[in-house]
Amino acid sequence: MYVGTLSFDLLLGDVRSLKEKRSVVRPIVSELHRKFAVSVAEVGDQDLYRRATIGLAVVSGDVGHLTDVMDRCERLVAARPEVELLSVRRRLHGDDD
């Protein structure tokens, strides 16, 4: 069994309130969950208007499949025009850990 995690550090565009921030972050979280069946949530910077940290976890029996899903999730977030992807932290955990 393999577990992969991604942490996205995002800079949001023209956002002036936490309500506007939710209207940007929530669709990204929902789309990742719907398209890729991953566990995903906003996990940091909840009190900042223009910053967001989204965390994602994937479990798979095959490291190739795990890497493919994580790559597609990263491409989806990077392609969103309303956010700038500042950094991505990727971790893989296997049975040997």
PDB file of N, CA and C in Angstrom:
ATOM      1  N   MET A   1       0.843  -1.179   0.000  1.00  0.00           N
ATOM      2  CA  MET A   1       0.000   0.000   0.000  1.00  0.00           C
ATOM      3  C   MET A   1       0.889   1.243   0.000  1.00  0.00           C
ATOM      4  N   TYR A   2       0.485   2.218  -0.787  1.00  0.00           N
ATOM      5  CA  TYR A   2       1.201   3.482  -0.878  1.00  0.00           C
ATOM      6  C   TYR A   2       0.238   4.635  -0.608  1.00  0.00           C
ATOM      7  N   VAL A   3       0.753   5.643   0.083  1.00  0.00           N
ATOM      8  CA  VAL A   3      -0.015   6.850   0.373  1.00  0.00           C
ATOM      9  C   VAL A   3       0.778   8.030  -0.157  1.00  0.00           C
ATOM     10  N   GLY A   4       0.113   8.860  -0.932  1.00  0.00           N
ATOM     11  CA  GLY A   4       0.744  10.066  -1.458  1.00  0.00           C
ATOM     12  C   GLY A   4       0.014  11.287  -0.955  1.00  0.00           C
ATOM     13  N   THR A   5       0.771  12.317  -0.615  1.00  0.00           N
ATOM     14  CA  THR A   5       0.156  13.571  -0.190  1.00  0.00           C
ATOM     15  C   THR A   5       0.715  14.722  -1.009  1.00  0.00           C
ATOM     16  N   LEU A   6      -0.141  15.681  -1.259  1.00  0.00           N
ATOM     17  CA  LEU A   6       0.242  16.923  -1.931  1.00  0.00           C
ATOM     18  C   LEU A   6      -0.225  18.081  -1.070  1.00  0.00           C
ATOM     19  N   SER A   7       0.569  19.110  -1.010  1.00  0.00           N
ATOM     20  CA  SER A   7       0.188  20.341  -0.329  1.00  0.00           C
ATOM     21  C   SER A   7       0.428  21.488  -1.303  1.00  0.00           C
ATOM     22  N   PHE A   8      -0.644  22.185  -1.654  1.00  0.00           N
ATOM     23  CA  PHE A   8      -0.575  23.299  -2.605  1.00  0.00           C
ATOM     24  C   PHE A   8      -0.596  24.621  -1.854  1.00  0.00           C
ATOM     25  N   ASP A   9       0.368  25.476  -2.113  1.00  0.00           N
ATOM     26  CA  ASP A   9       0.380  26.831  -1.576  1.00  0.00           C
ATOM     27  C   ASP A   9      -0.087  27.748  -2.697  1.00  0.00           C
ATOM     28  N   LEU A  10      -1.236  28.399  -2.491  1.00  0.00           N
ATOM     29  CA  LEU A  10      -1.870  29.186  -3.542  1.00  0.00           C
ATOM     30  C   LEU A  10      -1.930  30.663  -3.188  1.00  0.00           C
ATOM     31  N   LEU A  11      -1.738  31.495  -4.199  1.00  0.00           N
ATOM     32  CA  LEU A  11      -1.999  32.928  -4.096  1.00  0.00           C
ATOM     33  C   LEU A  11      -3.248  33.188  -4.914  1.00  0.00           C
ATOM     34  N   LEU A  12      -4.267  33.730  -4.257  1.00  0.00           N
ATOM     35  CA  LEU A  12      -5.544  33.974  -4.920  1.00  0.00           C
ATOM     36  C   LEU A  12      -5.514  35.331  -5.602  1.00  0.00           C
ATOM     37  N   GLY A  13      -6.293  35.455  -6.651  1.00  0.00           N
ATOM     38  CA  GLY A  13      -6.342  36.696  -7.429  1.00  0.00           C
ATOM     39  C   GLY A  13      -7.017  37.829  -6.685  1.00  0.00           C
ATOM     40  N   ASP A  14      -7.970  38.452  -7.299  1.00  0.00           N
ATOM     41  CA  ASP A  14      -8.656  39.629  -6.762  1.00  0.00           C
ATOM     42  C   ASP A  14      -9.682  39.210  -5.713  1.00  0.00           C
ATOM     43  N   VAL A  15      -9.221  38.925  -4.511  1.00  0.00           N
ATOM     44  CA  VAL A  15     -10.075  38.475  -3.419  1.00  0.00           C
ATOM     45  C   VAL A  15      -9.965  39.487  -2.290  1.00  0.00           C
ATOM     46  N   ARG A  16     -11.119  39.951  -1.796  1.00  0.00           N
ATOM     47  CA  ARG A  16     -11.119  40.998  -0.769  1.00  0.00           C
ATOM     48  C   ARG A  16     -11.800  40.587   0.522  1.00  0.00           C
ATOM     49  N   SER A  17     -12.270  39.352   0.608  1.00  0.00           N
ATOM     50  CA  SER A  17     -12.924  38.898   1.840  1.00  0.00           C
ATOM     51  C   SER A  17     -12.795  37.380   1.943  1.00  0.00           C
ATOM     52  N   LEU A  18     -13.062  36.868   3.126  1.00  0.00           N
ATOM     53  CA  LEU A  18     -13.024  35.418   3.315  1.00  0.00           C
ATOM     54  C   LEU A  18     -14.151  34.737   2.541  1.00  0.00           C
ATOM     55  N   LYS A  19     -15.264  35.441   2.371  1.00  0.00           N
ATOM     56  CA  LYS A  19     -16.372  34.888   1.584  1.00  0.00           C
ATOM     57  C   LYS A  19     -15.959  34.717   0.120  1.00  0.00           C
ATOM     58  N   GLU A  20     -15.296  35.701  -0.438  1.00  0.00           N
ATOM     59  CA  GLU A  20     -14.791  35.587  -1.814  1.00  0.00           C
ATOM     60  C   GLU A  20     -13.743  34.487  -1.911  1.00  0.00           C
ATOM     61  N   LYS A  21     -12.922  34.368  -0.876  1.00  0.00           N
ATOM     62  CA  LYS A  21     -11.914  33.304  -0.869  1.00  0.00           C
ATOM     63  C   LYS A  21     -12.585  31.935  -0.948  1.00  0.00           C
ATOM     64  N   ARG A  22     -13.621  31.724  -0.157  1.00  0.00           N
ATOM     65  CA  ARG A  22     -14.348  30.445  -0.189  1.00  0.00           C
ATOM     66  C   ARG A  22     -14.907  30.166  -1.580  1.00  0.00           C
ATOM     67  N   SER A  23     -15.366  31.215  -2.268  1.00  0.00           N
ATOM     68  CA  SER A  23     -15.941  31.022  -3.605  1.00  0.00           C
ATOM     69  C   SER A  23     -14.883  30.626  -4.634  1.00  0.00           C
ATOM     70  N   VAL A  24     -13.612  30.830  -4.328  1.00  0.00           N
ATOM     71  CA  VAL A  24     -12.521  30.399  -5.205  1.00  0.00           C
ATOM     72  C   VAL A  24     -12.006  29.022  -4.791  1.00  0.00           C
ATOM     73  N   VAL A  25     -11.816  28.815  -3.500  1.00  0.00           N
ATOM     74  CA  VAL A  25     -11.199  27.581  -3.003  1.00  0.00           C
ATOM     75  C   VAL A  25     -12.164  26.397  -3.058  1.00  0.00           C
ATOM     76  N   ARG A  26     -13.404  26.603  -2.689  1.00  0.00           N
ATOM     77  CA  ARG A  26     -14.360  25.489  -2.631  1.00  0.00           C
ATOM     78  C   ARG A  26     -14.529  24.757  -3.967  1.00  0.00           C
ATOM     79  N   PRO A  27     -14.658  25.451  -5.102  1.00  0.00           N
ATOM     80  CA  PRO A  27     -14.763  24.726  -6.381  1.00  0.00           C
ATOM     81  C   PRO A  27     -13.517  23.909  -6.720  1.00  0.00           C
ATOM     82  N   ILE A  28     -12.345  24.384  -6.350  1.00  0.00           N
ATOM     83  CA  ILE A  28     -11.117  23.628  -6.606  1.00  0.00           C
ATOM     84  C   ILE A  28     -11.119  22.342  -5.792  1.00  0.00           C
ATOM     85  N   VAL A  29     -11.443  22.452  -4.517  1.00  0.00           N
ATOM     86  CA  VAL A  29     -11.507  21.286  -3.634  1.00  0.00           C
ATOM     87  C   VAL A  29     -12.550  20.289  -4.146  1.00  0.00           C
ATOM     88  N   SER A  30     -13.722  20.783  -4.520  1.00  0.00           N
ATOM     89  CA  SER A  30     -14.793  19.904  -5.015  1.00  0.00           C
ATOM     90  C   SER A  30     -14.400  19.198  -6.306  1.00  0.00           C
ATOM     91  N   GLU A  31     -13.765  19.924  -7.221  1.00  0.00           N
ATOM     92  CA  GLU A  31     -13.379  19.323  -8.500  1.00  0.00           C
ATOM     93  C   GLU A  31     -12.314  18.240  -8.311  1.00  0.00           C
ATOM     94  N   LEU A  32     -11.340  18.490  -7.452  1.00  0.00           N
ATOM     95  CA  LEU A  32     -10.327  17.476  -7.177  1.00  0.00           C
ATOM     96  C   LEU A  32     -10.956  16.213  -6.602  1.00  0.00           C
ATOM     97  N   HIS A  33     -11.861  16.391  -5.661  1.00  0.00           N
ATOM     98  CA  HIS A  33     -12.527  15.242  -5.036  1.00  0.00           C
ATOM     99  C   HIS A  33     -13.383  14.477  -6.050  1.00  0.00           C
ATOM    100  N   ARG A  34     -14.126  15.210  -6.860  1.00  0.00           N
ATOM    101  CA  ARG A  34     -15.038  14.588  -7.825  1.00  0.00           C
ATOM    102  C   ARG A  34     -14.281  13.875  -8.949  1.00  0.00           C
ATOM    103  N   LYS A  35     -13.287  14.527  -9.519  1.00  0.00           N
ATOM    104  CA  LYS A  35     -12.588  13.968 -10.677  1.00  0.00           C
ATOM    105  C   LYS A  35     -11.638  12.826 -10.327  1.00  0.00           C
ATOM    106  N   PHE A  36     -11.002  12.914  -9.170  1.00  0.00           N
ATOM    107  CA  PHE A  36      -9.923  11.976  -8.868  1.00  0.00           C
ATOM    108  C   PHE A  36     -10.176  11.103  -7.646  1.00  0.00           C
ATOM    109  N   ALA A  37     -11.306  11.268  -6.965  1.00  0.00           N
ATOM    110  CA  ALA A  37     -11.662  10.470  -5.781  1.00  0.00           C
ATOM    111  C   ALA A  37     -10.550  10.500  -4.737  1.00  0.00           C
ATOM    112  N   VAL A  38     -10.027  11.693  -4.468  1.00  0.00           N
ATOM    113  CA  VAL A  38      -8.993  11.875  -3.457  1.00  0.00           C
ATOM    114  C   VAL A  38      -9.603  12.561  -2.239  1.00  0.00           C
ATOM    115  N   SER A  39      -8.921  12.444  -1.118  1.00  0.00           N
ATOM    116  CA  SER A  39      -9.303  13.207   0.071  1.00  0.00           C
ATOM    117  C   SER A  39      -8.621  14.559  -0.034  1.00  0.00           C
ATOM    118  N   VAL A  40      -9.399  15.621   0.081  1.00  0.00           N
ATOM    119  CA  VAL A  40      -8.847  16.962  -0.136  1.00  0.00           C
ATOM    120  C   VAL A  40      -9.589  17.964   0.736  1.00  0.00           C
ATOM    121  N   ALA A  41      -8.839  18.963   1.247  1.00  0.00           N
ATOM    122  CA  ALA A  41      -9.435  20.002   2.091  1.00  0.00           C
ATOM    123  C   ALA A  41      -8.511  21.214   2.126  1.00  0.00           C
ATOM    124  N   GLU A  42      -9.078  22.355   2.487  1.00  0.00           N
ATOM    125  CA  GLU A  42      -8.264  23.529   2.772  1.00  0.00           C
ATOM    126  C   GLU A  42      -7.663  23.307   4.157  1.00  0.00           C
ATOM    127  N   VAL A  43      -6.348  23.336   4.251  1.00  0.00           N
ATOM    128  CA  VAL A  43      -5.696  22.939   5.499  1.00  0.00           C
ATOM    129  C   VAL A  43      -4.842  24.034   6.137  1.00  0.00           C
ATOM    130  N   GLY A  44      -4.761  25.194   5.514  1.00  0.00           N
ATOM    131  CA  GLY A  44      -3.950  26.252   6.102  1.00  0.00           C
ATOM    132  C   GLY A  44      -4.298  27.612   5.551  1.00  0.00           C
ATOM    133  N   ASP A  45      -3.814  28.629   6.239  1.00  0.00           N
ATOM    134  CA  ASP A  45      -4.027  30.033   5.843  1.00  0.00           C
ATOM    135  C   ASP A  45      -5.506  30.395   5.779  1.00  0.00           C
ATOM    136  N   GLN A  46      -6.326  29.795   6.656  1.00  0.00           N
ATOM    137  CA  GLN A  46      -7.763  30.074   6.619  1.00  0.00           C
ATOM    138  C   GLN A  46      -8.103  31.521   6.968  1.00  0.00           C
ATOM    139  N   ASP A  47      -7.234  32.202   7.694  1.00  0.00           N
ATOM    140  CA  ASP A  47      -7.531  33.571   8.104  1.00  0.00           C
ATOM    141  C   ASP A  47      -6.974  34.630   7.147  1.00  0.00           C
ATOM    142  N   LEU A  48      -6.289  34.211   6.095  1.00  0.00           N
ATOM    143  CA  LEU A  48      -5.738  35.153   5.121  1.00  0.00           C
ATOM    144  C   LEU A  48      -6.613  35.175   3.873  1.00  0.00           C
ATOM    145  N   TYR A  49      -6.922  36.371   3.373  1.00  0.00           N
ATOM    146  CA  TYR A  49      -7.806  36.501   2.207  1.00  0.00           C
ATOM    147  C   TYR A  49      -7.199  35.953   0.930  1.00  0.00           C
ATOM    148  N   ARG A  50      -5.943  36.276   0.674  1.00  0.00           N
ATOM    149  CA  ARG A  50      -5.365  35.986  -0.649  1.00  0.00           C
ATOM    150  C   ARG A  50      -4.452  34.778  -0.679  1.00  0.00           C
ATOM    151  N   ARG A  51      -4.370  34.026   0.406  1.00  0.00           N
ATOM    152  CA  ARG A  51      -3.535  32.826   0.445  1.00  0.00           C
ATOM    153  C   ARG A  51      -4.388  31.637   0.855  1.00  0.00           C
ATOM    154  N   ALA A  52      -4.036  30.478   0.339  1.00  0.00           N
ATOM    155  CA  ALA A  52      -4.734  29.245   0.712  1.00  0.00           C
ATOM    156  C   ALA A  52      -3.749  28.088   0.626  1.00  0.00           C
ATOM    157  N   THR A  53      -3.907  27.139   1.511  1.00  0.00           N
ATOM    158  CA  THR A  53      -3.161  25.893   1.451  1.00  0.00           C
ATOM    159  C   THR A  53      -4.168  24.766   1.345  1.00  0.00           C
ATOM    160  N   ILE A  54      -4.045  23.981   0.288  1.00  0.00           N
ATOM    161  CA  ILE A  54      -4.934  22.846   0.064  1.00  0.00           C
ATOM    162  C   ILE A  54      -4.114  21.575   0.215  1.00  0.00           C
ATOM    163  N   GLY A  55      -4.617  20.655   1.022  1.00  0.00           N
ATOM    164  CA  GLY A  55      -3.961  19.373   1.227  1.00  0.00           C
ATOM    165  C   GLY A  55      -4.753  18.260   0.570  1.00  0.00           C
ATOM    166  N   LEU A  56      -4.040  17.258   0.069  1.00  0.00           N
ATOM    167  CA  LEU A  56      -4.657  16.180  -0.694  1.00  0.00           C
ATOM    168  C   LEU A  56      -3.955  14.871  -0.342  1.00  0.00           C
ATOM    169  N   ALA A  57      -4.725  13.789  -0.233  1.00  0.00           N
ATOM    170  CA  ALA A  57      -4.145  12.470   0.042  1.00  0.00           C
ATOM    171  C   ALA A  57      -4.752  11.435  -0.901  1.00  0.00           C
ATOM    172  N   VAL A  58      -3.899  10.496  -1.351  1.00  0.00           N
ATOM    173  CA  VAL A  58      -4.304   9.431  -2.262  1.00  0.00           C
ATOM    174  C   VAL A  58      -3.744   8.120  -1.715  1.00  0.00           C
ATOM    175  N   VAL A  59      -4.537   7.060  -1.769  1.00  0.00           N
ATOM    176  CA  VAL A  59      -4.084   5.730  -1.363  1.00  0.00           C
ATOM    177  C   VAL A  59      -4.207   4.807  -2.567  1.00  0.00           C
ATOM    178  N   SER A  60      -3.153   4.001  -2.807  1.00  0.00           N
ATOM    179  CA  SER A  60      -3.165   3.080  -3.937  1.00  0.00           C
ATOM    180  C   SER A  60      -2.255   1.895  -3.653  1.00  0.00           C
ATOM    181  N   GLY A  61      -2.534   0.809  -4.314  1.00  0.00           N
ATOM    182  CA  GLY A  61      -1.682  -0.367  -4.221  1.00  0.00           C
ATOM    183  C   GLY A  61      -0.532  -0.338  -5.199  1.00  0.00           C
ATOM    184  N   ASP A  62      -0.555   0.617  -6.136  1.00  0.00           N
ATOM    185  CA  ASP A  62       0.445   0.707  -7.192  1.00  0.00           C
ATOM    186  C   ASP A  62       1.057   2.105  -7.192  1.00  0.00           C
ATOM    187  N   VAL A  63       2.361   2.190  -7.048  1.00  0.00           N
ATOM    188  CA  VAL A  63       3.022   3.491  -6.988  1.00  0.00           C
ATOM    189  C   VAL A  63       2.904   4.246  -8.316  1.00  0.00           C
ATOM    190  N   GLY A  64       2.829   3.549  -9.431  1.00  0.00           N
ATOM    191  CA  GLY A  64       2.660   4.203 -10.734  1.00  0.00           C
ATOM    192  C   GLY A  64       1.321   4.905 -10.841  1.00  0.00           C
ATOM    193  N   HIS A  65       0.271   4.221 -10.406  1.00  0.00           N
ATOM    194  CA  HIS A  65      -1.066   4.824 -10.408  1.00  0.00           C
ATOM    195  C   HIS A  65      -1.111   6.022  -9.468  1.00  0.00           C
ATOM    196  N   LEU A  66      -0.492   5.879  -8.310  1.00  0.00           N
ATOM    197  CA  LEU A  66      -0.464   6.951  -7.321  1.00  0.00           C
ATOM    198  C   LEU A  66       0.210   8.197  -7.899  1.00  0.00           C
ATOM    199  N   THR A  67       1.347   8.011  -8.534  1.00  0.00           N
ATOM    200  CA  THR A  67       2.072   9.129  -9.136  1.00  0.00           C
ATOM    201  C   THR A  67       1.263   9.781 -10.253  1.00  0.00           C
ATOM    202  N   ASP A  68       0.584   8.971 -11.054  1.00  0.00           N
ATOM    203  CA  ASP A  68      -0.239   9.497 -12.143  1.00  0.00           C
ATOM    204  C   ASP A  68      -1.373  10.369 -11.610  1.00  0.00           C
ATOM    205  N   VAL A  69      -2.060   9.907 -10.587  1.00  0.00           N
ATOM    206  CA  VAL A  69      -3.162  10.680 -10.005  1.00  0.00           C
ATOM    207  C   VAL A  69      -2.637  11.984  -9.415  1.00  0.00           C
ATOM    208  N   MET A  70      -1.519  11.922  -8.706  1.00  0.00           N
ATOM    209  CA  MET A  70      -0.956  13.135  -8.113  1.00  0.00           C
ATOM    210  C   MET A  70      -0.512  14.124  -9.190  1.00  0.00           C
ATOM    211  N   ASP A  71       0.068  13.637 -10.272  1.00  0.00           N
ATOM    212  CA  ASP A  71       0.462  14.515 -11.380  1.00  0.00           C
ATOM    213  C   ASP A  71      -0.748  15.211 -11.991  1.00  0.00           C
ATOM    214  N   ARG A  72      -1.825  14.458 -12.206  1.00  0.00           N
ATOM    215  CA  ARG A  72      -3.034  15.052 -12.795  1.00  0.00           C
ATOM    216  C   ARG A  72      -3.668  16.071 -11.856  1.00  0.00           C
ATOM    217  N   CYS A  73      -3.648  15.817 -10.559  1.00  0.00           N
ATOM    218  CA  CYS A  73      -4.176  16.786  -9.589  1.00  0.00           C
ATOM    219  C   CYS A  73      -3.354  18.071  -9.616  1.00  0.00           C
ATOM    220  N   GLU A  74      -2.048  17.932  -9.678  1.00  0.00           N
ATOM    221  CA  GLU A  74      -1.179  19.107  -9.720  1.00  0.00           C
ATOM    222  C   GLU A  74      -1.413  19.921 -10.993  1.00  0.00           C
ATOM    223  N   ARG A  75      -1.561  19.252 -12.127  1.00  0.00           N
ATOM    224  CA  ARG A  75      -1.835  19.965 -13.386  1.00  0.00           C
ATOM    225  C   ARG A  75      -3.166  20.703 -13.336  1.00  0.00           C
ATOM    226  N   LEU A  76      -4.184  20.078 -12.725  1.00  0.00           N
ATOM    227  CA  LEU A  76      -5.491  20.714 -12.632  1.00  0.00           C
ATOM    228  C   LEU A  76      -5.405  22.016 -11.830  1.00  0.00           C
ATOM    229  N   VAL A  77      -4.738  21.978 -10.685  1.00  0.00           N
ATOM    230  CA  VAL A  77      -4.622  23.179  -9.846  1.00  0.00           C
ATOM    231  C   VAL A  77      -3.777  24.238 -10.553  1.00  0.00           C
ATOM    232  N   ALA A  78      -2.692  23.840 -11.179  1.00  0.00           N
ATOM    233  CA  ALA A  78      -1.813  24.794 -11.865  1.00  0.00           C
ATOM    234  C   ALA A  78      -2.517  25.470 -13.040  1.00  0.00           C
ATOM    235  N   ALA A  79      -3.488  24.803 -13.639  1.00  0.00           N
ATOM    236  CA  ALA A  79      -4.185  25.349 -14.806  1.00  0.00           C
ATOM    237  C   ALA A  79      -5.317  26.307 -14.440  1.00  0.00           C
ATOM    238  N   ARG A  80      -5.655  26.402 -13.162  1.00  0.00           N
ATOM    239  CA  ARG A  80      -6.754  27.292 -12.761  1.00  0.00           C
ATOM    240  C   ARG A  80      -6.315  28.748 -12.909  1.00  0.00           C
ATOM    241  N   PRO A  81      -7.043  29.553 -13.701  1.00  0.00           N
ATOM    242  CA  PRO A  81      -6.609  30.931 -13.949  1.00  0.00           C
ATOM    243  C   PRO A  81      -6.800  31.866 -12.755  1.00  0.00           C
ATOM    244  N   GLU A  82      -7.674  31.519 -11.823  1.00  0.00           N
ATOM    245  CA  GLU A  82      -7.968  32.413 -10.705  1.00  0.00           C
ATOM    246  C   GLU A  82      -6.984  32.294  -9.551  1.00  0.00           C
ATOM    247  N   VAL A  83      -6.029  31.343  -9.642  1.00  0.00           N
ATOM    248  CA  VAL A  83      -5.026  31.178  -8.591  1.00  0.00           C
ATOM    249  C   VAL A  83      -3.639  31.068  -9.209  1.00  0.00           C
ATOM    250  N   GLU A  84      -2.651  31.435  -8.415  1.00  0.00           N
ATOM    251  CA  GLU A  84      -1.258  31.239  -8.806  1.00  0.00           C
ATOM    252  C   GLU A  84      -0.678  30.177  -7.875  1.00  0.00           C
ATOM    253  N   LEU A  85      -0.166  29.121  -8.444  1.00  0.00           N
ATOM    254  CA  LEU A  85       0.419  28.031  -7.670  1.00  0.00           C
ATOM    255  C   LEU A  85       1.839  28.434  -7.279  1.00  0.00           C
ATOM    256  N   LEU A  86       2.037  28.730  -5.994  1.00  0.00           N
ATOM    257  CA  LEU A  86       3.347  29.179  -5.525  1.00  0.00           C
ATOM    258  C   LEU A  86       4.295  28.015  -5.277  1.00  0.00           C
ATOM    259  N   SER A  87       3.774  26.938  -4.669  1.00  0.00           N
ATOM    260  CA  SER A  87       4.625  25.774  -4.427  1.00  0.00           C
ATOM    261  C   SER A  87       3.769  24.539  -4.213  1.00  0.00           C
ATOM    262  N   VAL A  88       4.405  23.388  -4.407  1.00  0.00           N
ATOM    263  CA  VAL A  88       3.754  22.098  -4.188  1.00  0.00           C
ATOM    264  C   VAL A  88       4.718  21.236  -3.377  1.00  0.00           C
ATOM    265  N   ARG A  89       4.220  20.656  -2.312  1.00  0.00           N
ATOM    266  CA  ARG A  89       5.010  19.696  -1.538  1.00  0.00           C
ATOM    267  C   ARG A  89       4.412  18.324  -1.777  1.00  0.00           C
ATOM    268  N   ARG A  90       5.252  17.390  -2.199  1.00  0.00           N
ATOM    269  CA  ARG A  90       4.806  16.040  -2.544  1.00  0.00           C
ATOM    270  C   ARG A  90       5.530  15.042  -1.649  1.00  0.00           C
ATOM    271  N   ARG A  91       4.759  14.103  -1.098  1.00  0.00           N
ATOM    272  CA  ARG A  91       5.351  13.048  -0.271  1.00  0.00           C
ATOM    273  C   ARG A  91       4.738  11.712  -0.633  1.00  0.00           C
ATOM    274  N   LEU A  92       5.579  10.679  -0.665  1.00  0.00           N
ATOM    275  CA  LEU A  92       5.135   9.306  -0.901  1.00  0.00           C
ATOM    276  C   LEU A  92       5.528   8.460   0.304  1.00  0.00           C
ATOM    277  N   HIS A  93       4.586   7.677   0.791  1.00  0.00           N
ATOM    278  CA  HIS A  93       4.824   6.779   1.914  1.00  0.00           C
ATOM    279  C   HIS A  93       4.472   5.373   1.493  1.00  0.00           C
ATOM    280  N   GLY A  94       5.374   4.429   1.756  1.00  0.00           N
ATOM    281  CA  GLY A  94       5.137   3.042   1.402  1.00  0.00           C
ATOM    282  C   GLY A  94       5.155   2.152   2.632  1.00  0.00           C
ATOM    283  N   ASP A  95       5.025   0.861   2.422  1.00  0.00           N
ATOM    284  CA  ASP A  95       5.040  -0.100   3.522  1.00  0.00           C
ATOM    285  C   ASP A  95       6.360  -0.106   4.265  1.00  0.00           C
ATOM    286  N   ASP A  96       7.425   0.306   3.610  1.00  0.00           N
ATOM    287  CA  ASP A  96       8.738   0.291   4.232  1.00  0.00           C
ATOM    288  C   ASP A  96       8.965   1.433   5.212  1.00  0.00           C
ATOM    289  N   ASP A  97       8.116   2.454   5.177  1.00  0.00           N
ATOM    290  CA  ASP A  97       8.286   3.631   6.044  1.00  0.00           C
ATOM    291  C   ASP A  97       7.950   3.319   7.487  1.00  0.00           C
TER     292      ASP A  97
END
